Amino acid sequence: MSNNTFLEATPWDRRNFAIATYQLTEYREEALQETNKVEGHFTIKVDPFADKSILQQYGFYYVDTLSEPFCKREHFLADRAGDITFTKDYDNDQVLTIAEGAFQGGRYHRDFNVPNDLADLRYRNWVKDLIDQDLILAYVQQGNVDGFFAYQEEHVLLMAMHKRVRGKGFATPFAAACLQEQWERTDADKLITSISPSNPASLNVFLGVGFRMGPCKDIYHKVNGSVGGD
């Protein structure tokens, strides 16, 4: 465990990458200096308009940008929801199979220092955690999981559909139904999600049901050592 002031350990990532993993709590040179003192994989989130030159000096590289679209309850377009019901009685393996193909555009897949199989493992374990925390609701038809989503309070954590129902105009009705379910289960005044602009299809779905663009953060990574322990 790091005793450094600006490095916060992320054990949920370390278990996948066989190297210590940290996120930086502040964007300042003292924080960047600490990444030179320990082995590990580091993440920092920076305002898009901040001066990034110092990041390159300390070996950081760009991997993604994340936006946080939000929707107030009164702006949600509930009429776009399909006639879909959700259950917590589902086959875990089916959910995990969907998850394996749902996050190929994630920042760890875009990180050239992280092998794809370890990026897959990272997202699969994340979904396992959500299952264990009882945070997933599934859409099941004739015993098959056609899609699922997870939320925590006002946060929309993820949505994913099986490949057999993709490309059939199902994305918007499915997403709206997921959000409608979340509205019915929470007292939140607004819902918030996190989407990369590199995933315009997902972003357009959320905008199409009443979400509006929120703040963005650029994400940079750095590696001291070798991800995977090689």
C-alpha atoms as a PDB file:
ATOM      1  CA  MET A   1       0.000   0.000   0.000  1.00  0.00           C
ATOM      2  CA  SER A   2       1.284   3.464  -0.895  1.00  0.00           C
ATOM      3  CA  ASN A   3       2.033   6.013   1.819  1.00  0.00           C
ATOM      4  CA  ASN A   4       2.206   8.795  -0.761  1.00  0.00           C
ATOM      5  CA  THR A   5       0.061  11.856  -0.236  1.00  0.00           C
ATOM      6  CA  PHE A   6      -1.512  12.073  -3.683  1.00  0.00           C
ATOM      7  CA  LEU A   7      -1.859   8.404  -4.667  1.00  0.00           C
ATOM      8  CA  GLU A   8      -5.055   6.550  -3.805  1.00  0.00           C
ATOM      9  CA  ALA A   9      -4.815   2.773  -4.210  1.00  0.00           C
ATOM     10  CA  THR A  10      -7.415   1.067  -6.430  1.00  0.00           C
ATOM     11  CA  PRO A  11      -7.408  -2.594  -5.338  1.00  0.00           C
ATOM     12  CA  TRP A  12     -10.288  -3.434  -7.698  1.00  0.00           C
ATOM     13  CA  ASP A  13      -7.877  -2.830 -10.590  1.00  0.00           C
ATOM     14  CA  ARG A  14      -4.765  -4.309  -8.979  1.00  0.00           C
ATOM     15  CA  ARG A  15      -6.393  -7.749  -8.739  1.00  0.00           C
ATOM     16  CA  ASN A  16      -6.640  -7.843 -12.559  1.00  0.00           C
ATOM     17  CA  PHE A  17      -3.338  -6.342 -13.621  1.00  0.00           C
ATOM     18  CA  ALA A  18      -0.804  -7.981 -11.258  1.00  0.00           C
ATOM     19  CA  ILE A  19       0.673  -4.565 -10.532  1.00  0.00           C
ATOM     20  CA  ALA A  20      -0.153  -1.878  -7.986  1.00  0.00           C
ATOM     21  CA  THR A  21      -2.769   0.560  -9.297  1.00  0.00           C
ATOM     22  CA  TYR A  22      -3.509   4.103  -8.178  1.00  0.00           C
ATOM     23  CA  GLN A  23      -5.575   7.135  -9.007  1.00  0.00           C
ATOM     24  CA  LEU A  24      -4.166  10.588  -8.398  1.00  0.00           C
ATOM     25  CA  THR A  25      -6.251  12.761  -6.098  1.00  0.00           C
ATOM     26  CA  GLU A  26      -4.950  16.093  -7.409  1.00  0.00           C
ATOM     27  CA  TYR A  27      -3.508  17.526 -10.594  1.00  0.00           C
ATOM     28  CA  ARG A  28      -0.297  19.228  -9.458  1.00  0.00           C
ATOM     29  CA  GLU A  29       3.377  18.584  -9.991  1.00  0.00           C
ATOM     30  CA  GLU A  30       3.904  17.188  -6.505  1.00  0.00           C
ATOM     31  CA  ALA A  31       1.341  14.497  -7.290  1.00  0.00           C
ATOM     32  CA  LEU A  32       2.971  13.642 -10.608  1.00  0.00           C
ATOM     33  CA  GLN A  33       6.365  13.420  -8.920  1.00  0.00           C
ATOM     34  CA  GLU A  34       5.072  10.712  -6.602  1.00  0.00           C
ATOM     35  CA  THR A  35       4.340   8.459  -9.585  1.00  0.00           C
ATOM     36  CA  ASN A  36       8.094   8.315 -10.255  1.00  0.00           C
ATOM     37  CA  LYS A  37       8.771   6.829  -6.834  1.00  0.00           C
ATOM     38  CA  VAL A  38       6.703   3.625  -6.962  1.00  0.00           C
ATOM     39  CA  GLU A  39       5.904   0.858  -9.422  1.00  0.00           C
ATOM     40  CA  GLY A  40       2.351   0.843 -10.666  1.00  0.00           C
ATOM     41  CA  HIS A  41      -0.364   1.801 -13.118  1.00  0.00           C
ATOM     42  CA  PHE A  42      -1.679   5.333 -12.546  1.00  0.00           C
ATOM     43  CA  THR A  43      -4.845   7.168 -13.578  1.00  0.00           C
ATOM     44  CA  ILE A  44      -5.511  10.884 -13.431  1.00  0.00           C
ATOM     45  CA  LYS A  45      -8.624  12.776 -14.542  1.00  0.00           C
ATOM     46  CA  VAL A  46      -8.022  16.312 -15.756  1.00  0.00           C
ATOM     47  CA  ASP A  47     -10.166  19.211 -16.905  1.00  0.00           C
ATOM     48  CA  PRO A  48     -10.124  19.238 -20.732  1.00  0.00           C
ATOM     49  CA  PHE A  49      -8.959  22.865 -20.781  1.00  0.00           C
ATOM     50  CA  ALA A  50      -6.092  22.376 -18.332  1.00  0.00           C
ATOM     51  CA  ASP A  51      -2.493  22.653 -19.521  1.00  0.00           C
ATOM     52  CA  LYS A  52      -1.447  19.047 -20.248  1.00  0.00           C
ATOM     53  CA  SER A  53       2.238  19.631 -21.046  1.00  0.00           C
ATOM     54  CA  ILE A  54       3.430  18.609 -17.590  1.00  0.00           C
ATOM     55  CA  LEU A  55       1.662  15.251 -17.925  1.00  0.00           C
ATOM     56  CA  GLN A  56       3.902  14.285 -20.818  1.00  0.00           C
ATOM     57  CA  GLN A  57       6.971  15.307 -18.832  1.00  0.00           C
ATOM     58  CA  TYR A  58       6.045  12.700 -16.220  1.00  0.00           C
ATOM     59  CA  GLY A  59       5.209   9.931 -18.677  1.00  0.00           C
ATOM     60  CA  PHE A  60       1.414  10.163 -18.759  1.00  0.00           C
ATOM     61  CA  TYR A  61      -0.492   9.484 -21.970  1.00  0.00           C
ATOM     62  CA  TYR A  62      -4.065  10.197 -23.035  1.00  0.00           C
ATOM     63  CA  VAL A  63      -6.542   7.288 -23.128  1.00  0.00           C
ATOM     64  CA  ASP A  64     -10.084   8.674 -23.089  1.00  0.00           C
ATOM     65  CA  THR A  65     -12.493  11.473 -22.296  1.00  0.00           C
ATOM     66  CA  LEU A  66     -15.536  10.898 -20.130  1.00  0.00           C
ATOM     67  CA  SER A  67     -18.668  13.027 -20.144  1.00  0.00           C
ATOM     68  CA  GLU A  68     -21.309  12.896 -17.404  1.00  0.00           C
ATOM     69  CA  PRO A  69     -24.694  13.395 -19.083  1.00  0.00           C
ATOM     70  CA  PHE A  70     -27.557  13.991 -16.662  1.00  0.00           C
ATOM     71  CA  CYS A  71     -31.331  13.994 -16.765  1.00  0.00           C
ATOM     72  CA  LYS A  72     -33.778  15.704 -14.442  1.00  0.00           C
ATOM     73  CA  ARG A  73     -36.880  13.723 -13.661  1.00  0.00           C
ATOM     74  CA  GLU A  74     -39.171  16.208 -15.406  1.00  0.00           C
ATOM     75  CA  HIS A  75     -37.123  16.026 -18.609  1.00  0.00           C
ATOM     76  CA  PHE A  76     -37.116  12.239 -18.940  1.00  0.00           C
ATOM     77  CA  LEU A  77     -39.016  11.040 -22.030  1.00  0.00           C
ATOM     78  CA  ALA A  78     -40.804   8.085 -20.474  1.00  0.00           C
ATOM     79  CA  ASP A  79     -42.918   7.470 -23.577  1.00  0.00           C
ATOM     80  CA  ARG A  80     -39.832   6.114 -25.337  1.00  0.00           C
ATOM     81  CA  ALA A  81     -39.574   3.147 -22.957  1.00  0.00           C
ATOM     82  CA  GLY A  82     -40.424  -0.263 -24.319  1.00  0.00           C
ATOM     83  CA  ASP A  83     -42.783  -2.700 -22.618  1.00  0.00           C
ATOM     84  CA  ILE A  84     -39.954  -4.320 -20.700  1.00  0.00           C
ATOM     85  CA  THR A  85     -39.864  -5.802 -17.217  1.00  0.00           C
ATOM     86  CA  PHE A  86     -36.773  -6.530 -15.167  1.00  0.00           C
ATOM     87  CA  THR A  87     -35.859  -9.217 -12.689  1.00  0.00           C
ATOM     88  CA  LYS A  88     -33.108 -10.153 -10.270  1.00  0.00           C
ATOM     89  CA  ASP A  89     -33.721 -13.811 -11.080  1.00  0.00           C
ATOM     90  CA  TYR A  90     -31.239 -14.391 -13.885  1.00  0.00           C
ATOM     91  CA  ASP A  91     -28.361 -16.625 -14.961  1.00  0.00           C
ATOM     92  CA  ASN A  92     -25.111 -14.979 -13.809  1.00  0.00           C
ATOM     93  CA  ASP A  93     -23.089 -16.628 -16.572  1.00  0.00           C
ATOM     94  CA  GLN A  94     -25.360 -15.165 -19.252  1.00  0.00           C
ATOM     95  CA  VAL A  95     -24.878 -11.685 -17.815  1.00  0.00           C
ATOM     96  CA  LEU A  96     -21.098 -12.165 -17.725  1.00  0.00           C
ATOM     97  CA  THR A  97     -21.090 -13.407 -21.316  1.00  0.00           C
ATOM     98  CA  ILE A  98     -22.825 -10.213 -22.437  1.00  0.00           C
ATOM     99  CA  ALA A  99     -20.391  -8.155 -20.381  1.00  0.00           C
ATOM    100  CA  GLU A 100     -17.384  -9.685 -22.134  1.00  0.00           C
ATOM    101  CA  GLY A 101     -18.371  -8.048 -25.410  1.00  0.00           C
ATOM    102  CA  ALA A 102     -19.929  -4.867 -24.102  1.00  0.00           C
ATOM    103  CA  PHE A 103     -16.901  -2.819 -23.089  1.00  0.00           C
ATOM    104  CA  GLN A 104     -14.496  -3.131 -25.996  1.00  0.00           C
ATOM    105  CA  GLY A 105     -14.243   0.645 -26.282  1.00  0.00           C
ATOM    106  CA  GLY A 106     -13.401   1.169 -22.619  1.00  0.00           C
ATOM    107  CA  ARG A 107     -10.322   3.107 -21.543  1.00  0.00           C
ATOM    108  CA  TYR A 108      -8.409  -0.013 -20.535  1.00  0.00           C
ATOM    109  CA  HIS A 109      -8.893  -1.505 -23.994  1.00  0.00           C
ATOM    110  CA  ARG A 110      -7.546   1.758 -25.406  1.00  0.00           C
ATOM    111  CA  ASP A 111      -4.500   1.659 -23.139  1.00  0.00           C
ATOM    112  CA  PHE A 112      -1.652   0.139 -25.187  1.00  0.00           C
ATOM    113  CA  ASN A 113       0.104  -0.924 -21.967  1.00  0.00           C
ATOM    114  CA  VAL A 114      -2.807  -3.143 -20.886  1.00  0.00           C
ATOM    115  CA  PRO A 115      -3.230  -6.482 -22.730  1.00  0.00           C
ATOM    116  CA  ASN A 116      -6.747  -6.927 -24.083  1.00  0.00           C
ATOM    117  CA  ASP A 117      -7.323 -10.091 -22.092  1.00  0.00           C
ATOM    118  CA  LEU A 118      -6.595  -8.212 -18.861  1.00  0.00           C
ATOM    119  CA  ALA A 119      -8.868  -5.364 -19.922  1.00  0.00           C
ATOM    120  CA  ASP A 120     -11.601  -7.962 -20.534  1.00  0.00           C
ATOM    121  CA  LEU A 121     -10.922  -9.443 -17.093  1.00  0.00           C
ATOM    122  CA  ARG A 122     -11.160  -6.028 -15.464  1.00  0.00           C
ATOM    123  CA  TYR A 123     -14.644  -5.351 -16.848  1.00  0.00           C
ATOM    124  CA  ARG A 124     -15.831  -8.906 -16.228  1.00  0.00           C
ATOM    125  CA  ASN A 125     -14.783  -8.650 -12.576  1.00  0.00           C
ATOM    126  CA  TRP A 126     -16.522  -5.288 -12.298  1.00  0.00           C
ATOM    127  CA  VAL A 127     -19.774  -6.900 -13.418  1.00  0.00           C
ATOM    128  CA  LYS A 128     -19.164  -9.791 -10.993  1.00  0.00           C
ATOM    129  CA  ASP A 129     -18.884  -7.231  -8.214  1.00  0.00           C
ATOM    130  CA  LEU A 130     -22.175  -5.641  -9.260  1.00  0.00           C
ATOM    131  CA  ILE A 131     -23.830  -9.070  -9.214  1.00  0.00           C
ATOM    132  CA  ASP A 132     -22.446  -9.744  -5.740  1.00  0.00           C
ATOM    133  CA  GLN A 133     -23.697  -6.341  -4.572  1.00  0.00           C
ATOM    134  CA  ASP A 134     -27.187  -7.131  -5.941  1.00  0.00           C
ATOM    135  CA  LEU A 135     -27.086  -4.055  -8.183  1.00  0.00           C
ATOM    136  CA  ILE A 136     -27.994  -5.677 -11.503  1.00  0.00           C
ATOM    137  CA  LEU A 137     -31.446  -6.016 -13.028  1.00  0.00           C
ATOM    138  CA  ALA A 138     -31.892  -8.214 -16.097  1.00  0.00           C
ATOM    139  CA  TYR A 139     -34.317  -8.375 -18.989  1.00  0.00           C
ATOM    140  CA  VAL A 140     -35.045 -12.072 -19.486  1.00  0.00           C
ATOM    141  CA  GLN A 141     -37.039 -13.607 -22.325  1.00  0.00           C
ATOM    142  CA  GLN A 142     -37.720 -17.362 -22.527  1.00  0.00           C
ATOM    143  CA  GLY A 143     -34.908 -18.033 -20.099  1.00  0.00           C
ATOM    144  CA  ASN A 144     -32.385 -15.912 -21.989  1.00  0.00           C
ATOM    145  CA  VAL A 145     -30.886 -12.666 -20.733  1.00  0.00           C
ATOM    146  CA  ASP A 146     -31.356 -10.159 -23.556  1.00  0.00           C
ATOM    147  CA  GLY A 147     -29.959  -7.236 -21.575  1.00  0.00           C
ATOM    148  CA  PHE A 148     -29.164  -5.905 -18.142  1.00  0.00           C
ATOM    149  CA  PHE A 149     -28.350  -2.710 -16.316  1.00  0.00           C
ATOM    150  CA  ALA A 150     -26.955  -1.609 -12.979  1.00  0.00           C
ATOM    151  CA  TYR A 151     -27.488   1.525 -10.954  1.00  0.00           C
ATOM    152  CA  GLN A 152     -26.649   2.893  -7.531  1.00  0.00           C
ATOM    153  CA  GLU A 153     -28.819   5.696  -6.216  1.00  0.00           C
ATOM    154  CA  GLU A 154     -28.773   8.399  -8.923  1.00  0.00           C
ATOM    155  CA  HIS A 155     -25.886   6.866 -10.881  1.00  0.00           C
ATOM    156  CA  VAL A 156     -26.502   4.789 -14.003  1.00  0.00           C
ATOM    157  CA  LEU A 157     -23.517   2.431 -13.804  1.00  0.00           C
ATOM    158  CA  LEU A 158     -23.899   0.432 -16.997  1.00  0.00           C
ATOM    159  CA  MET A 159     -26.272  -0.964 -19.601  1.00  0.00           C
ATOM    160  CA  ALA A 160     -25.643  -3.813 -21.993  1.00  0.00           C
ATOM    161  CA  MET A 161     -27.641  -5.820 -24.519  1.00  0.00           C
ATOM    162  CA  HIS A 162     -27.038  -9.263 -25.981  1.00  0.00           C
ATOM    163  CA  LYS A 163     -25.753  -9.211 -29.553  1.00  0.00           C
ATOM    164  CA  ARG A 164     -28.889 -11.021 -30.751  1.00  0.00           C
ATOM    165  CA  VAL A 165     -31.002  -7.937 -30.021  1.00  0.00           C
ATOM    166  CA  ARG A 166     -28.547  -5.280 -31.189  1.00  0.00           C
ATOM    167  CA  GLY A 167     -29.049  -3.441 -34.461  1.00  0.00           C
ATOM    168  CA  LYS A 168     -32.834  -3.906 -34.358  1.00  0.00           C
ATOM    169  CA  GLY A 169     -33.959  -0.521 -33.067  1.00  0.00           C
ATOM    170  CA  PHE A 170     -34.061  -1.860 -29.516  1.00  0.00           C
ATOM    171  CA  ALA A 171     -31.425   0.390 -27.933  1.00  0.00           C
ATOM    172  CA  THR A 172     -33.632   3.385 -27.151  1.00  0.00           C
ATOM    173  CA  PRO A 173     -36.674   1.440 -25.859  1.00  0.00           C
ATOM    174  CA  PHE A 174     -34.356  -0.698 -23.741  1.00  0.00           C
ATOM    175  CA  ALA A 175     -32.398   2.232 -22.298  1.00  0.00           C
ATOM    176  CA  ALA A 176     -35.566   4.202 -21.577  1.00  0.00           C
ATOM    177  CA  ALA A 177     -37.084   1.172 -19.841  1.00  0.00           C
ATOM    178  CA  CYS A 178     -33.952   0.775 -17.706  1.00  0.00           C
ATOM    179  CA  LEU A 179     -34.098   4.430 -16.724  1.00  0.00           C
ATOM    180  CA  GLN A 180     -37.827   4.255 -16.020  1.00  0.00           C
ATOM    181  CA  GLU A 181     -37.160   1.320 -13.698  1.00  0.00           C
ATOM    182  CA  GLN A 182     -34.452   3.307 -11.940  1.00  0.00           C
ATOM    183  CA  TRP A 183     -36.739   6.338 -11.533  1.00  0.00           C
ATOM    184  CA  GLU A 184     -39.342   4.079  -9.918  1.00  0.00           C
ATOM    185  CA  ARG A 185     -36.763   2.687  -7.480  1.00  0.00           C
ATOM    186  CA  THR A 186     -35.078   5.929  -6.421  1.00  0.00           C
ATOM    187  CA  ASP A 187     -36.053   9.299  -5.014  1.00  0.00           C
ATOM    188  CA  ALA A 188     -33.307  11.073  -6.932  1.00  0.00           C
ATOM    189  CA  ASP A 189     -34.172  14.354  -8.641  1.00  0.00           C
ATOM    190  CA  LYS A 190     -31.837  13.528 -11.514  1.00  0.00           C
ATOM    191  CA  LEU A 191     -29.895  10.617 -12.957  1.00  0.00           C
ATOM    192  CA  ILE A 192     -26.239  10.775 -13.975  1.00  0.00           C
ATOM    193  CA  THR A 193     -24.198   8.488 -16.180  1.00  0.00           C
ATOM    194  CA  SER A 194     -20.682   8.417 -17.623  1.00  0.00           C
ATOM    195  CA  ILE A 195     -20.018   7.982 -21.346  1.00  0.00           C
ATOM    196  CA  SER A 196     -17.030   8.384 -23.614  1.00  0.00           C
ATOM    197  CA  PRO A 197     -17.612  10.584 -26.681  1.00  0.00           C
ATOM    198  CA  SER A 198     -15.891   7.779 -28.577  1.00  0.00           C
ATOM    199  CA  ASN A 199     -19.154   5.851 -28.080  1.00  0.00           C
ATOM    200  CA  PRO A 200     -21.554   8.148 -29.985  1.00  0.00           C
ATOM    201  CA  ALA A 201     -24.231   5.467 -30.335  1.00  0.00           C
ATOM    202  CA  SER A 202     -24.641   5.182 -26.568  1.00  0.00           C
ATOM    203  CA  LEU A 203     -24.393   8.938 -26.090  1.00  0.00           C
ATOM    204  CA  ASN A 204     -27.105   9.553 -28.691  1.00  0.00           C
ATOM    205  CA  VAL A 205     -29.429   7.074 -26.983  1.00  0.00           C
ATOM    206  CA  PHE A 206     -29.172   8.921 -23.673  1.00  0.00           C
ATOM    207  CA  LEU A 207     -29.607  12.310 -25.316  1.00  0.00           C
ATOM    208  CA  GLY A 208     -32.633  10.916 -27.121  1.00  0.00           C
ATOM    209  CA  VAL A 209     -34.472  10.110 -23.877  1.00  0.00           C
ATOM    210  CA  GLY A 210     -33.942  13.463 -22.200  1.00  0.00           C
ATOM    211  CA  PHE A 211     -30.352  13.548 -20.982  1.00  0.00           C
ATOM    212  CA  ARG A 212     -28.222  16.639 -21.413  1.00  0.00           C
ATOM    213  CA  MET A 213     -24.472  16.945 -21.715  1.00  0.00           C
ATOM    214  CA  GLY A 214     -22.620  17.302 -18.440  1.00  0.00           C
ATOM    215  CA  PRO A 215     -19.024  18.076 -17.471  1.00  0.00           C
ATOM    216  CA  CYS A 216     -16.123  16.223 -19.083  1.00  0.00           C
ATOM    217  CA  LYS A 217     -12.793  14.918 -17.840  1.00  0.00           C
ATOM    218  CA  ASP A 218      -9.800  13.816 -19.894  1.00  0.00           C
ATOM    219  CA  ILE A 219      -8.251  10.596 -18.590  1.00  0.00           C
ATOM    220  CA  TYR A 220      -4.526   9.932 -18.671  1.00  0.00           C
ATOM    221  CA  HIS A 221      -2.625   6.804 -17.678  1.00  0.00           C
ATOM    222  CA  LYS A 222       0.968   6.041 -16.783  1.00  0.00           C
ATOM    223  CA  VAL A 223       2.782   2.757 -16.112  1.00  0.00           C
ATOM    224  CA  ASN A 224       5.928   2.175 -14.075  1.00  0.00           C
ATOM    225  CA  GLY A 225       6.680  -1.494 -14.532  1.00  0.00           C
ATOM    226  CA  SER A 226       4.691  -4.037 -16.516  1.00  0.00           C
ATOM    227  CA  VAL A 227       0.955  -4.666 -16.448  1.00  0.00           C
ATOM    228  CA  GLY A 228       0.395  -8.394 -16.061  1.00  0.00           C
ATOM    229  CA  GLY A 229       3.610  -8.934 -14.162  1.00  0.00           C
ATOM    230  CA  ASP A 230       5.748  -9.957 -17.162  1.00  0.00           C
END
